[in-house]
C-alpha cells in the first residue's frame, strides 16, 4: 500500500483552530466544536438579516415616495405631483435621480 506524505496530509487536514473575522473556530478531528457551530450560525443569521434589509431598501423607498406624494395631495390615480425643480441631495429619497424631472 502507498503511504501519504506529511505534506499531502497537511494539505488536506483541518487545523484544530482557525482565526476568522467572526472569531476563533475550533475543530476536533476536522469536525467543528459545538461552540464553533453556534458562532457560525449566529454569523449566518446576521448575514441573512442584512440580506433581507438590503433587498428591501428599494421597496421601502418606493413606498415612502408614494406615501409622501399621497400626503401632499397626489393620492388618486388621476392626481400627480409635479416638482418645480430637479431633486438634490437634500430630499430623503433613496433612488432619486438629480437630472430627471419627476411628475
N, C-alpha and C. Protein backbone atom coordinates (compact mmCIF):
# COMPACT_ATOMS: atom_id res chain seq x y z
N UNK A 1 0.84 -1.18 0.00
CA UNK A 1 0.00 0.00 0.00
C UNK A 1 0.88 1.24 0.00
N UNK A 2 0.35 2.28 -0.65
CA UNK A 2 1.09 3.53 -0.70
C UNK A 2 0.95 4.30 0.59
N UNK A 3 1.91 5.11 0.84
CA UNK A 3 1.88 5.95 2.03
C UNK A 3 1.56 7.39 1.64
N UNK A 4 0.92 8.09 2.54
CA UNK A 4 0.62 9.50 2.34
C UNK A 4 1.72 10.30 3.02
N UNK A 5 2.31 11.20 2.27
CA UNK A 5 3.39 12.01 2.85
C UNK A 5 2.80 13.04 3.81
N UNK A 6 3.62 13.55 4.69
CA UNK A 6 3.18 14.56 5.65
C UNK A 6 2.73 15.83 4.91
N UNK A 7 3.36 16.16 3.81
CA UNK A 7 2.97 17.34 3.01
C UNK A 7 1.56 17.18 2.47
N UNK A 8 1.24 15.99 1.94
CA UNK A 8 -0.10 15.74 1.43
C UNK A 8 -1.12 15.74 2.56
N UNK A 9 -0.77 15.17 3.68
CA UNK A 9 -1.66 15.13 4.83
C UNK A 9 -1.95 16.54 5.34
N UNK A 10 -0.90 17.38 5.41
CA UNK A 10 -1.08 18.76 5.86
C UNK A 10 -1.96 19.55 4.90
N UNK A 11 -1.88 19.23 3.60
CA UNK A 11 -2.65 19.95 2.60
C UNK A 11 -4.15 19.69 2.71
N UNK A 12 -4.54 18.53 3.20
CA UNK A 12 -5.97 18.19 3.28
C UNK A 12 -6.51 18.19 4.70
N UNK A 13 -5.65 18.44 5.67
CA UNK A 13 -6.07 18.43 7.08
C UNK A 13 -6.65 19.78 7.48
N UNK A 14 -7.52 19.75 8.46
CA UNK A 14 -8.08 20.97 9.04
C UNK A 14 -7.37 21.19 10.37
N UNK A 15 -6.84 22.39 10.58
CA UNK A 15 -6.17 22.65 11.85
C UNK A 15 -7.17 22.63 13.01
N UNK A 16 -6.65 22.51 14.22
CA UNK A 16 -7.51 22.50 15.41
C UNK A 16 -8.16 23.85 15.67
N UNK A 17 -7.50 24.94 15.22
CA UNK A 17 -8.04 26.30 15.40
C UNK A 17 -7.83 27.09 14.12
N UNK A 18 -8.85 27.87 13.77
CA UNK A 18 -8.76 28.75 12.60
C UNK A 18 -9.22 30.14 13.04
N UNK A 19 -8.37 31.14 12.83
CA UNK A 19 -8.72 32.52 13.15
C UNK A 19 -9.53 33.10 11.99
N UNK A 20 -10.71 33.64 12.28
CA UNK A 20 -11.56 34.23 11.24
C UNK A 20 -12.04 35.60 11.70
N UNK A 21 -12.73 36.30 10.82
CA UNK A 21 -13.29 37.62 11.16
C UNK A 21 -14.37 37.51 12.23
N UNK A 22 -14.97 36.36 12.40
CA UNK A 22 -16.02 36.18 13.41
C UNK A 22 -15.48 35.55 14.69
N UNK A 23 -14.20 35.36 14.77
CA UNK A 23 -13.58 34.77 15.96
C UNK A 23 -12.83 33.49 15.63
N UNK A 24 -12.33 32.87 16.67
CA UNK A 24 -11.58 31.63 16.51
C UNK A 24 -12.55 30.45 16.43
N UNK A 25 -12.42 29.68 15.37
CA UNK A 25 -13.23 28.47 15.22
C UNK A 25 -12.36 27.28 15.58
N UNK A 26 -12.90 26.38 16.40
CA UNK A 26 -12.14 25.22 16.86
C UNK A 26 -12.73 23.94 16.27
N UNK A 27 -11.84 22.99 15.99
CA UNK A 27 -12.23 21.72 15.37
C UNK A 27 -11.59 20.57 16.13
N UNK A 28 -12.28 19.43 16.14
CA UNK A 28 -11.72 18.21 16.69
C UNK A 28 -11.83 17.15 15.61
N UNK A 29 -10.70 16.67 15.13
CA UNK A 29 -10.65 15.71 14.02
C UNK A 29 -11.40 16.22 12.79
N UNK A 30 -11.31 17.52 12.54
CA UNK A 30 -11.94 18.12 11.37
C UNK A 30 -13.39 18.49 11.55
N UNK A 31 -13.97 18.20 12.71
CA UNK A 31 -15.37 18.50 12.98
C UNK A 31 -15.43 19.72 13.89
N UNK A 32 -16.24 20.73 13.55
CA UNK A 32 -16.31 21.92 14.41
C UNK A 32 -16.93 21.59 15.76
N UNK A 33 -16.42 22.26 16.80
CA UNK A 33 -16.98 22.08 18.14
C UNK A 33 -18.36 22.72 18.19
N UNK A 34 -19.12 22.39 19.23
CA UNK A 34 -20.46 22.96 19.39
C UNK A 34 -20.41 24.49 19.45
N UNK A 35 -19.41 25.03 20.15
CA UNK A 35 -19.26 26.48 20.26
C UNK A 35 -18.99 27.11 18.89
N UNK A 36 -18.16 26.45 18.08
CA UNK A 36 -17.87 26.97 16.74
C UNK A 36 -19.11 26.92 15.85
N UNK A 37 -19.87 25.85 15.96
CA UNK A 37 -21.11 25.74 15.18
C UNK A 37 -22.06 26.87 15.57
N UNK A 38 -22.19 27.13 16.87
CA UNK A 38 -23.07 28.21 17.33
C UNK A 38 -22.59 29.56 16.79
N UNK A 39 -21.29 29.81 16.82
CA UNK A 39 -20.73 31.05 16.29
C UNK A 39 -21.03 31.20 14.80
N UNK A 40 -20.88 30.12 14.06
CA UNK A 40 -21.14 30.15 12.62
C UNK A 40 -22.61 30.43 12.34
N UNK A 41 -23.52 29.82 13.10
CA UNK A 41 -24.94 30.06 12.88
C UNK A 41 -25.35 31.48 13.26
N UNK A 42 -24.76 32.04 14.31
CA UNK A 42 -25.03 33.44 14.67
C UNK A 42 -24.60 34.35 13.52
N UNK A 43 -23.43 34.09 12.95
CA UNK A 43 -22.95 34.88 11.82
C UNK A 43 -23.85 34.70 10.60
N UNK A 44 -24.28 33.49 10.35
CA UNK A 44 -25.17 33.22 9.22
C UNK A 44 -26.50 33.96 9.39
N UNK A 45 -27.04 33.96 10.61
CA UNK A 45 -28.27 34.71 10.89
C UNK A 45 -28.06 36.20 10.62
N UNK A 46 -26.93 36.73 11.05
CA UNK A 46 -26.62 38.15 10.84
C UNK A 46 -26.53 38.45 9.34
N UNK A 47 -25.86 37.59 8.60
CA UNK A 47 -25.73 37.80 7.15
C UNK A 47 -27.09 37.75 6.45
N UNK A 48 -27.94 36.83 6.86
CA UNK A 48 -29.27 36.73 6.24
C UNK A 48 -30.14 37.93 6.61
N UNK A 49 -30.00 38.41 7.83
CA UNK A 49 -30.72 39.63 8.23
C UNK A 49 -30.30 40.83 7.40
N UNK A 50 -29.00 40.97 7.17
CA UNK A 50 -28.50 42.06 6.34
C UNK A 50 -29.00 41.91 4.90
N UNK A 51 -29.04 40.70 4.41
CA UNK A 51 -29.52 40.45 3.05
C UNK A 51 -30.98 40.87 2.90
N UNK A 52 -31.81 40.53 3.88
CA UNK A 52 -33.22 40.92 3.85
C UNK A 52 -33.34 42.43 3.88
N UNK A 53 -32.58 43.08 4.74
CA UNK A 53 -32.61 44.54 4.84
C UNK A 53 -32.23 45.18 3.51
N UNK A 54 -31.09 44.77 2.95
CA UNK A 54 -30.61 45.37 1.70
C UNK A 54 -31.52 45.07 0.52
N UNK A 55 -32.10 43.88 0.48
CA UNK A 55 -33.01 43.52 -0.61
C UNK A 55 -34.28 44.38 -0.60
N UNK A 56 -34.64 44.94 0.55
CA UNK A 56 -35.89 45.68 0.66
C UNK A 56 -35.73 47.19 0.74
N UNK A 57 -34.53 47.70 0.68
CA UNK A 57 -34.32 49.15 0.74
C UNK A 57 -35.06 49.85 -0.39
N UNK A 58 -34.97 49.33 -1.61
CA UNK A 58 -35.65 49.95 -2.75
C UNK A 58 -37.15 49.96 -2.61
N UNK A 59 -37.72 48.85 -2.15
CA UNK A 59 -39.17 48.76 -1.99
C UNK A 59 -39.67 49.72 -0.92
N UNK A 60 -38.95 49.83 0.18
CA UNK A 60 -39.34 50.75 1.25
C UNK A 60 -39.22 52.19 0.77
N UNK A 61 -38.18 52.47 0.00
CA UNK A 61 -38.02 53.81 -0.57
C UNK A 61 -39.20 54.16 -1.47
N UNK A 62 -39.58 53.23 -2.34
CA UNK A 62 -40.71 53.48 -3.25
C UNK A 62 -42.00 53.68 -2.47
N UNK A 63 -42.21 52.89 -1.44
CA UNK A 63 -43.41 53.04 -0.60
C UNK A 63 -43.42 54.43 0.04
N UNK A 64 -42.27 54.87 0.54
CA UNK A 64 -42.18 56.18 1.19
C UNK A 64 -42.45 57.31 0.20
N UNK A 65 -41.95 57.18 -1.02
CA UNK A 65 -42.22 58.19 -2.05
C UNK A 65 -43.72 58.26 -2.33
N UNK A 66 -44.35 57.11 -2.52
CA UNK A 66 -45.79 57.09 -2.81
C UNK A 66 -46.60 57.64 -1.65
N UNK A 67 -46.21 57.30 -0.42
CA UNK A 67 -46.93 57.82 0.75
C UNK A 67 -46.75 59.32 0.86
N UNK A 68 -45.52 59.80 0.64
CA UNK A 68 -45.26 61.24 0.69
C UNK A 68 -46.05 62.01 -0.35
N UNK A 69 -46.11 61.48 -1.57
CA UNK A 69 -46.89 62.13 -2.63
C UNK A 69 -48.38 62.11 -2.30
N UNK A 70 -48.86 61.01 -1.74
CA UNK A 70 -50.27 60.94 -1.34
C UNK A 70 -50.56 61.95 -0.24
N UNK A 71 -49.66 62.09 0.72
CA UNK A 71 -49.84 63.06 1.80
C UNK A 71 -49.83 64.50 1.26
N UNK A 72 -49.15 64.72 0.13
CA UNK A 72 -49.09 66.05 -0.48
C UNK A 72 -50.28 66.31 -1.42
N UNK A 73 -51.17 65.34 -1.57
CA UNK A 73 -52.36 65.55 -2.37
C UNK A 73 -52.47 64.69 -3.61
N UNK A 74 -51.46 63.95 -3.95
CA UNK A 74 -51.49 63.10 -5.14
C UNK A 74 -51.86 61.68 -4.74
N UNK A 75 -53.06 61.54 -4.13
CA UNK A 75 -53.43 60.24 -3.59
C UNK A 75 -54.24 59.37 -4.53
N UNK A 76 -54.69 59.88 -5.64
CA UNK A 76 -55.50 59.09 -6.55
C UNK A 76 -54.80 58.84 -7.87
N UNK A 77 -55.41 57.97 -8.68
CA UNK A 77 -54.83 57.64 -9.98
C UNK A 77 -54.89 58.82 -10.94
N UNK A 78 -55.79 59.79 -10.66
CA UNK A 78 -55.94 60.94 -11.54
C UNK A 78 -55.25 62.20 -10.99
N UNK A 79 -54.38 62.02 -10.02
CA UNK A 79 -53.66 63.17 -9.43
C UNK A 79 -52.16 62.90 -9.48
N UNK A 80 -51.42 63.97 -9.77
CA UNK A 80 -49.96 63.84 -9.79
C UNK A 80 -49.35 64.99 -9.01
N UNK A 81 -48.13 64.81 -8.63
CA UNK A 81 -47.35 65.89 -8.01
C UNK A 81 -46.24 66.23 -8.99
N UNK A 82 -46.06 67.52 -9.24
CA UNK A 82 -45.02 67.96 -10.17
C UNK A 82 -44.01 68.78 -9.38
N UNK A 83 -42.76 68.38 -9.43
CA UNK A 83 -41.71 69.10 -8.74
C UNK A 83 -41.26 70.27 -9.61
N UNK A 84 -41.16 71.46 -9.03
CA UNK A 84 -40.77 72.64 -9.80
C UNK A 84 -39.29 72.63 -10.16
N UNK A 85 -38.48 71.97 -9.36
CA UNK A 85 -37.03 71.94 -9.59
C UNK A 85 -36.57 70.49 -9.58
N UNK A 86 -35.37 70.30 -10.13
CA UNK A 86 -34.77 68.97 -10.06
C UNK A 86 -34.47 68.62 -8.62
N UNK A 87 -34.47 67.36 -8.31
CA UNK A 87 -34.17 66.92 -6.95
C UNK A 87 -32.69 67.11 -6.66
N UNK A 88 -32.37 67.26 -5.39
CA UNK A 88 -30.96 67.38 -4.99
C UNK A 88 -30.72 66.43 -3.82
N UNK A 89 -29.58 66.55 -3.22
CA UNK A 89 -29.21 65.62 -2.15
C UNK A 89 -29.95 65.89 -0.85
N UNK A 90 -30.74 66.95 -0.78
CA UNK A 90 -31.47 67.27 0.44
C UNK A 90 -32.75 66.46 0.59
N UNK A 91 -33.29 65.95 -0.50
CA UNK A 91 -34.53 65.18 -0.42
C UNK A 91 -34.26 63.78 0.12
N UNK A 92 -35.18 63.27 0.89
CA UNK A 92 -34.99 61.96 1.52
C UNK A 92 -35.59 60.85 0.67
N UNK A 93 -35.05 60.69 -0.53
CA UNK A 93 -35.46 59.62 -1.43
C UNK A 93 -34.21 58.84 -1.79
N UNK A 94 -34.22 57.56 -1.55
CA UNK A 94 -33.01 56.75 -1.76
C UNK A 94 -32.63 56.66 -3.22
N UNK A 95 -33.61 56.52 -4.10
CA UNK A 95 -33.31 56.23 -5.51
C UNK A 95 -33.54 57.42 -6.44
N UNK A 96 -33.58 58.63 -5.92
CA UNK A 96 -33.85 59.80 -6.76
C UNK A 96 -32.69 60.09 -7.70
N UNK A 97 -33.04 60.53 -8.90
CA UNK A 97 -32.06 60.92 -9.91
C UNK A 97 -32.06 62.44 -9.97
N UNK A 98 -30.90 63.08 -9.86
CA UNK A 98 -30.83 64.54 -9.80
C UNK A 98 -30.95 65.20 -11.16
N UNK A 99 -31.02 64.44 -12.24
CA UNK A 99 -31.12 65.04 -13.58
C UNK A 99 -32.44 64.69 -14.27
N UNK A 100 -33.41 64.21 -13.52
CA UNK A 100 -34.70 63.82 -14.07
C UNK A 100 -35.80 64.66 -13.43
N UNK A 101 -36.70 65.20 -14.25
CA UNK A 101 -37.84 65.92 -13.74
C UNK A 101 -38.91 64.90 -13.37
N UNK A 102 -39.33 64.90 -12.12
CA UNK A 102 -40.31 63.93 -11.65
C UNK A 102 -41.70 64.53 -11.66
N UNK A 103 -42.68 63.74 -12.06
CA UNK A 103 -44.06 64.19 -12.05
C UNK A 103 -44.93 63.05 -11.54
